[in-house]
C-alpha atoms as a PDB file:
ATOM      1  CA  MET A   1      10.301  18.193  19.974  1.00  0.00           C
ATOM      2  CA  SER A   2       7.023  17.941  17.965  1.00  0.00           C
ATOM      3  CA  LYS A   3       5.051  14.554  16.887  1.00  0.00           C
ATOM      4  CA  LYS A   4       5.345  15.644  13.357  1.00  0.00           C
ATOM      5  CA  SER A   5       8.946  16.445  13.414  1.00  0.00           C
ATOM      6  CA  MET A   6       9.950  13.038  14.842  1.00  0.00           C
ATOM      7  CA  PHE A   7       7.783  11.245  12.497  1.00  0.00           C
ATOM      8  CA  SER A   8       9.735  11.325   9.499  1.00  0.00           C
ATOM      9  CA  PRO A   9      12.938   9.660  10.944  1.00  0.00           C
ATOM     10  CA  LEU A  10      11.270   7.262  13.295  1.00  0.00           C
ATOM     11  CA  VAL A  11       9.169   5.985  10.238  1.00  0.00           C
ATOM     12  CA  VAL A  12      12.602   5.676   7.683  1.00  0.00           C
ATOM     13  CA  SER A  13      14.312   4.034  10.343  1.00  0.00           C
ATOM     14  CA  SER A  14      11.666   1.791  10.992  1.00  0.00           C
ATOM     15  CA  VAL A  15      11.226   0.548   7.403  1.00  0.00           C
ATOM     16  CA  VAL A  16      15.204   0.230   7.337  1.00  0.00           C
ATOM     17  CA  THR A  17      15.185  -1.967  10.521  1.00  0.00           C
ATOM     18  CA  ILE A  18      12.384  -4.398   9.222  1.00  0.00           C
ATOM     19  CA  GLY A  19      13.848  -4.720   5.733  1.00  0.00           C
ATOM     20  CA  ALA A  20      17.386  -5.339   7.400  1.00  0.00           C
ATOM     21  CA  LEU A  21      15.734  -7.658   9.963  1.00  0.00           C
ATOM     22  CA  ALA A  22      13.345  -9.211   7.036  1.00  0.00           C
ATOM     23  CA  VAL A  23      16.674 -10.238   5.103  1.00  0.00           C
ATOM     24  CA  SER A  24      19.062 -11.557   7.376  1.00  0.00           C
ATOM     25  CA  THR A  25      16.279 -13.551   9.161  1.00  0.00           C
ATOM     26  CA  GLY A  26      15.372 -15.137   5.573  1.00  0.00           C
ATOM     27  CA  ALA A  27      19.277 -15.627   4.624  1.00  0.00           C
ATOM     28  CA  GLN A  28      19.559 -17.599   7.741  1.00  0.00           C
ATOM     29  CA  ALA A  29      17.174 -19.746   7.473  1.00  0.00           C
ATOM     30  CA  GLN A  30      17.591 -20.613   3.850  1.00  0.00           C
ATOM     31  CA  SER A  31      21.269 -21.782   4.902  1.00  0.00           C
ATOM     32  CA  SER A  32      20.719 -23.191   7.937  1.00  0.00           C
ATOM     33  CA  GLY A  33      17.092 -25.195   6.608  1.00  0.00           C
ATOM     34  CA  LEU A  34      15.458 -23.345   9.820  1.00  0.00           C
ATOM     35  CA  ASN A  35      11.355 -23.191   9.723  1.00  0.00           C
ATOM     36  CA  TRP A  36       8.829 -22.149  12.319  1.00  0.00           C
ATOM     37  CA  GLY A  37       7.552 -25.490  13.071  1.00  0.00           C
ATOM     38  CA  ASP A  38       8.894 -29.329  13.371  1.00  0.00           C
ATOM     39  CA  GLY A  39      11.046 -30.503  10.610  1.00  0.00           C
ATOM     40  CA  SER A  40       8.131 -31.840   8.311  1.00  0.00           C
ATOM     41  CA  LEU A  41       7.857 -28.205   7.528  1.00  0.00           C
ATOM     42  CA  ALA A  42       8.345 -26.845   4.521  1.00  0.00           C
ATOM     43  CA  PRO A  43      11.898 -24.395   4.901  1.00  0.00           C
ATOM     44  CA  GLN A  44      10.874 -20.719   5.701  1.00  0.00           C
ATOM     45  CA  HIS A  45      11.309 -18.283   3.027  1.00  0.00           C
ATOM     46  CA  GLY A  46      11.262 -14.686   2.809  1.00  0.00           C
ATOM     47  CA  TYR A  47       9.844 -11.568   0.954  1.00  0.00           C
ATOM     48  CA  LEU A  48       9.901  -7.745   0.373  1.00  0.00           C
ATOM     49  CA  GLY A  49       6.983  -6.530  -1.878  1.00  0.00           C
ATOM     50  CA  LEU A  50       5.621  -3.011  -3.245  1.00  0.00           C
ATOM     51  CA  HIS A  51       2.023  -2.349  -3.058  1.00  0.00           C
ATOM     52  CA  ILE A  52       0.756   0.668  -5.248  1.00  0.00           C
ATOM     53  CA  GLY A  53      -3.378   1.723  -5.239  1.00  0.00           C
ATOM     54  CA  LYS A  54      -6.180   3.977  -3.490  1.00  0.00           C
ATOM     55  CA  SER A  55      -7.164   4.410  -0.041  1.00  0.00           C
ATOM     56  CA  LYS A  56     -10.335   5.018   1.077  1.00  0.00           C
ATOM     57  CA  PHE A  57     -10.842   7.704   3.952  1.00  0.00           C
ATOM     58  CA  ASP A  58     -14.409   7.969   6.052  1.00  0.00           C
ATOM     59  CA  PRO A  59     -14.676  11.721   6.981  1.00  0.00           C
ATOM     60  CA  GLU A  60     -17.194  13.608   8.138  1.00  0.00           C
ATOM     61  CA  CYS A  61     -18.136  16.241   5.286  1.00  0.00           C
ATOM     62  CA  LEU A  62     -19.614  19.210   5.981  1.00  0.00           C
ATOM     63  CA  PRO A  63     -21.910  21.144   3.910  1.00  0.00           C
ATOM     64  CA  GLY A  64     -20.131  24.273   2.098  1.00  0.00           C
ATOM     65  CA  PHE A  65     -16.632  22.563   2.294  1.00  0.00           C
ATOM     66  CA  GLY A  66     -14.537  20.523   0.216  1.00  0.00           C
ATOM     67  CA  CYS A  67     -14.492  17.082   0.675  1.00  0.00           C
ATOM     68  CA  SER A  68     -12.544  13.837  -0.697  1.00  0.00           C
ATOM     69  CA  ASN A  69     -12.352  10.463   0.279  1.00  0.00           C
ATOM     70  CA  ALA A  70      -9.937   8.737  -2.191  1.00  0.00           C
ATOM     71  CA  GLU A  71      -6.195   8.918  -2.599  1.00  0.00           C
ATOM     72  CA  THR A  72      -3.057   7.762  -3.996  1.00  0.00           C
ATOM     73  CA  ALA A  73      -1.634   4.999  -1.094  1.00  0.00           C
ATOM     74  CA  PHE A  74       1.354   2.800  -1.135  1.00  0.00           C
ATOM     75  CA  LYS A  75       2.724   0.193   0.958  1.00  0.00           C
ATOM     76  CA  LEU A  76       6.067  -1.788   1.558  1.00  0.00           C
ATOM     77  CA  SER A  77       6.359  -5.061   3.052  1.00  0.00           C
ATOM     78  CA  ALA A  78       8.413  -7.647   4.171  1.00  0.00           C
ATOM     79  CA  GLY A  79       7.325 -11.206   5.223  1.00  0.00           C
ATOM     80  CA  GLY A  80       8.445 -14.396   6.155  1.00  0.00           C
ATOM     81  CA  LEU A  81       6.112 -17.705   5.034  1.00  0.00           C
ATOM     82  CA  ALA A  82       7.138 -20.279   8.036  1.00  0.00           C
ATOM     83  CA  THR A  83       5.155 -23.112   5.591  1.00  0.00           C
ATOM     84  CA  ASP A  84       3.162 -22.727   2.162  1.00  0.00           C
ATOM     85  CA  ILE A  85      -0.178 -21.823   3.701  1.00  0.00           C
ATOM     86  CA  PHE A  86       1.062 -19.807   6.786  1.00  0.00           C
ATOM     87  CA  ALA A  87       3.258 -16.821   6.908  1.00  0.00           C
ATOM     88  CA  ALA A  88       3.949 -13.053   8.977  1.00  0.00           C
ATOM     89  CA  GLU A  89       4.059  -9.571   7.285  1.00  0.00           C
ATOM     90  CA  VAL A  90       5.044  -6.478   8.324  1.00  0.00           C
ATOM     91  CA  ALA A  91       4.642  -3.457   6.309  1.00  0.00           C
ATOM     92  CA  TYR A  92       5.022   0.347   6.272  1.00  0.00           C
ATOM     93  CA  ILE A  93       1.743   2.272   4.543  1.00  0.00           C
ATOM     94  CA  ASN A  94       1.071   5.382   3.460  1.00  0.00           C
ATOM     95  CA  MET A  95      -2.689   6.132   2.635  1.00  0.00           C
ATOM     96  CA  GLY A  96      -2.129   9.824   1.356  1.00  0.00           C
ATOM     97  CA  LYS A  97      -3.805  12.771   2.367  1.00  0.00           C
ATOM     98  CA  ILE A  98      -7.540  14.219   1.186  1.00  0.00           C
ATOM     99  CA  ASP A  99      -9.483  17.301   1.520  1.00  0.00           C
ATOM    100  CA  ILE A 100     -11.624  17.729   4.632  1.00  0.00           C
ATOM    101  CA  ALA A 101     -13.573  20.782   6.151  1.00  0.00           C
ATOM    102  CA  GLY A 102     -11.692  23.781   4.576  1.00  0.00           C
ATOM    103  CA  GLY A 103      -8.323  21.558   5.235  1.00  0.00           C
ATOM    104  CA  ARG A 104      -6.759  17.927   5.135  1.00  0.00           C
ATOM    105  CA  GLN A 105      -6.511  15.010   6.795  1.00  0.00           C
ATOM    106  CA  ARG A 106      -3.420  12.277   6.271  1.00  0.00           C
ATOM    107  CA  ALA A 107      -2.316   8.630   7.950  1.00  0.00           C
ATOM    108  CA  GLN A 108       0.202   6.394   7.474  1.00  0.00           C
ATOM    109  CA  GLY A 109       1.865   3.755  10.175  1.00  0.00           C
ATOM    110  CA  LEU A 110       3.381   0.302  10.415  1.00  0.00           C
ATOM    111  CA  ASN A 111       1.148  -3.115  10.529  1.00  0.00           C
ATOM    112  CA  LEU A 112       2.110  -6.265  11.825  1.00  0.00           C
ATOM    113  CA  SER A 113      -0.305  -9.175  10.425  1.00  0.00           C
ATOM    114  CA  LEU A 114      -0.875 -13.118  10.282  1.00  0.00           C
ATOM    115  CA  VAL A 115      -1.353 -14.330   6.634  1.00  0.00           C
ATOM    116  CA  GLY A 116      -3.175 -17.377   5.737  1.00  0.00           C
ATOM    117  CA  ILE A 117      -2.587 -18.651   2.409  1.00  0.00           C
ATOM    118  CA  VAL A 118      -4.460 -21.262   0.493  1.00  0.00           C
ATOM    119  CA  PRO A 119      -2.758 -22.481  -3.024  1.00  0.00           C
ATOM    120  CA  LEU A 120      -5.123 -22.821  -5.961  1.00  0.00           C
ATOM    121  CA  GLY A 121      -3.066 -24.501  -8.547  1.00  0.00           C
ATOM    122  CA  VAL A 122      -1.399 -23.379 -11.671  1.00  0.00           C
ATOM    123  CA  GLY A 123       0.729 -20.561 -10.215  1.00  0.00           C
ATOM    124  CA  PHE A 124      -2.636 -19.364  -8.350  1.00  0.00           C
ATOM    125  CA  SER A 125      -3.269 -18.577  -4.807  1.00  0.00           C
ATOM    126  CA  ALA A 126      -5.656 -17.195  -2.410  1.00  0.00           C
ATOM    127  CA  PHE A 127      -5.127 -14.933   1.255  1.00  0.00           C
ATOM    128  CA  GLY A 128      -6.289 -13.711   4.138  1.00  0.00           C
ATOM    129  CA  LYS A 129      -4.560 -11.548   6.648  1.00  0.00           C
ATOM    130  CA  ILE A 130      -5.335 -10.442  10.552  1.00  0.00           C
ATOM    131  CA  GLY A 131      -3.662  -8.044  12.742  1.00  0.00           C
ATOM    132  CA  SER A 132      -3.259  -4.216  14.208  1.00  0.00           C
ATOM    133  CA  THR A 133      -1.824  -0.796  12.757  1.00  0.00           C
ATOM    134  CA  PHE A 134       0.414   1.487  14.567  1.00  0.00           C
ATOM    135  CA  GLY A 135      -0.848   4.715  12.981  1.00  0.00           C
ATOM    136  CA  TRP A 136       0.108   8.041  12.680  1.00  0.00           C
ATOM    137  CA  THR A 137      -2.901  10.765  11.618  1.00  0.00           C
ATOM    138  CA  ASP A 138      -2.648  14.536  10.785  1.00  0.00           C
ATOM    139  CA  THR A 139      -5.935  16.444  10.932  1.00  0.00           C
ATOM    140  CA  SER A 140      -5.938  20.215   9.776  1.00  0.00           C
ATOM    141  CA  SER A 141      -9.125  22.603   9.251  1.00  0.00           C
ATOM    142  CA  ASN A 142      -9.800  26.139   9.093  1.00  0.00           C
ATOM    143  CA  ARG A 143     -13.567  25.480  10.183  1.00  0.00           C
ATOM    144  CA  PRO A 144     -13.897  26.504  13.934  1.00  0.00           C
ATOM    145  CA  GLY A 145     -15.272  23.456  15.822  1.00  0.00           C
ATOM    146  CA  VAL A 146     -13.598  20.968  14.162  1.00  0.00           C
ATOM    147  CA  SER A 147     -11.272  19.144  16.162  1.00  0.00           C
ATOM    148  CA  THR A 148      -7.355  19.018  14.996  1.00  0.00           C
ATOM    149  CA  GLY A 149      -4.014  18.050  15.408  1.00  0.00           C
ATOM    150  CA  SER A 150      -2.360  14.871  15.443  1.00  0.00           C
ATOM    151  CA  GLU A 151      -3.087  11.326  16.844  1.00  0.00           C
ATOM    152  CA  ASN A 152      -1.846   8.089  17.229  1.00  0.00           C
ATOM    153  CA  GLY A 153      -2.293   4.430  18.592  1.00  0.00           C
ATOM    154  CA  PHE A 154      -2.760   0.663  17.543  1.00  0.00           C
ATOM    155  CA  GLY A 155      -5.841  -0.431  15.548  1.00  0.00           C
ATOM    156  CA  LEU A 156      -7.394  -3.589  14.165  1.00  0.00           C
ATOM    157  CA  SER A 157      -6.380  -4.471  10.435  1.00  0.00           C
ATOM    158  CA  TYR A 158      -7.786  -7.314   8.367  1.00  0.00           C
ATOM    159  CA  GLY A 159      -8.018  -8.386   4.537  1.00  0.00           C
ATOM    160  CA  LEU A 160      -8.044 -10.482   1.332  1.00  0.00           C
ATOM    161  CA  GLY A 161      -6.141 -10.943  -1.419  1.00  0.00           C
ATOM    162  CA  VAL A 162      -5.094 -13.555  -4.770  1.00  0.00           C
ATOM    163  CA  GLY A 163      -1.690 -13.826  -5.918  1.00  0.00           C
ATOM    164  CA  TYR A 164       0.022 -14.935  -8.894  1.00  0.00           C
ATOM    165  CA  LYS A 165       3.413 -16.259  -9.758  1.00  0.00           C
ATOM    166  CA  LEU A 166       5.013 -14.801 -12.456  1.00  0.00           C
ATOM    167  CA  THR A 167       8.687 -16.901 -11.829  1.00  0.00           C
ATOM    168  CA  SER A 168       9.685 -19.398  -8.800  1.00  0.00           C
ATOM    169  CA  GLN A 169      10.561 -15.900  -6.892  1.00  0.00           C
ATOM    170  CA  LEU A 170       8.390 -13.116  -8.789  1.00  0.00           C
ATOM    171  CA  GLU A 171       4.770 -12.887  -7.553  1.00  0.00           C
ATOM    172  CA  VAL A 172       1.785 -10.154  -8.586  1.00  0.00           C
ATOM    173  CA  VAL A 173      -0.903  -9.997  -6.078  1.00  0.00           C
ATOM    174  CA  ALA A 174      -3.809  -8.086  -5.770  1.00  0.00           C
ATOM    175  CA  GLU A 175      -5.063  -7.197  -2.181  1.00  0.00           C
ATOM    176  CA  TYR A 176      -8.194  -5.337  -0.647  1.00  0.00           C
ATOM    177  CA  GLU A 177      -7.315  -3.961   3.022  1.00  0.00           C
ATOM    178  CA  ARG A 178      -9.192  -2.426   6.116  1.00  0.00           C
ATOM    179  CA  HIS A 179      -7.191  -0.585   8.786  1.00  0.00           C
ATOM    180  CA  LYS A 180      -8.411   1.487  11.655  1.00  0.00           C
ATOM    181  CA  PHE A 181      -6.750   4.896  12.492  1.00  0.00           C
ATOM    182  CA  GLU A 182      -7.171   7.257  15.470  1.00  0.00           C
ATOM    183  CA  PHE A 183      -7.637  11.073  13.744  1.00  0.00           C
ATOM    184  CA  ALA A 184      -8.659  14.019  16.255  1.00  0.00           C
ATOM    185  CA  PRO A 185     -12.359  14.343  15.252  1.00  0.00           C
ATOM    186  CA  GLY A 186     -12.863  10.452  15.614  1.00  0.00           C
ATOM    187  CA  ASP A 187     -11.823   6.756  14.530  1.00  0.00           C
ATOM    188  CA  GLN A 188     -11.878   5.890  10.787  1.00  0.00           C
ATOM    189  CA  THR A 189     -11.826   2.677   9.635  1.00  0.00           C
ATOM    190  CA  LEU A 190      -9.952   2.995   6.070  1.00  0.00           C
ATOM    191  CA  GLY A 191      -9.989   0.697   2.986  1.00  0.00           C
ATOM    192  CA  LEU A 192      -6.903   0.402   0.691  1.00  0.00           C
ATOM    193  CA  THR A 193      -7.025  -1.191  -2.737  1.00  0.00           C
ATOM    194  CA  SER A 194      -4.304  -2.354  -4.672  1.00  0.00           C
ATOM    195  CA  ILE A 195      -1.527  -4.282  -6.839  1.00  0.00           C
ATOM    196  CA  GLY A 196       2.004  -5.027  -5.673  1.00  0.00           C
ATOM    197  CA  LEU A 197       4.951  -6.898  -6.508  1.00  0.00           C
ATOM    198  CA  ARG A 198       6.694  -9.151  -4.695  1.00  0.00           C
ATOM    199  CA  TYR A 199      10.377 -10.950  -4.734  1.00  0.00           C
ATOM    200  CA  GLN A 200      10.824 -14.279  -2.494  1.00  0.00           C
ATOM    201  CA  TYR A 201      14.639 -15.108  -1.473  1.00  0.00           C
END
């Protein structure tokens, strides 16, 4: 079976598993009062998020061929807060696809990050994150000499963002992230600017 044919069911099963584990862990922690530290820390909570925005690729554009570098992207996230200032987050990221050298490039992946949160008062907060993304990419082109095909592997990720609590359970967030992906022609660090909504449970 090819990487391409294996990818869709793998992503679907991974996202479903991540969501189920996050919901189960959060529910158990709330009912038992468990947290990641000692008894002096705040109770653990979980959250689910949906984010939509723009990705920015960094392709090597060739003269005489159409080339774009921005595309609509989305992210599905699930996290667990150990305290009010520390969390771990997993996410599925779809960076979309761009036109390049008479073909296309696309990227998507699964991310795991540690998140540090700074409360700013009156419902606002700022956060930073660092982690790793296991990405899958595909490059196609009708130009001779351009490397094509599928690649996958781990890459560094990091980002910054701000949040505002609409209610005790709903928060709107704006983020900028960078994720390193392996492509057949060479590695790229892609940017992702997004706005999202988180539900805390």
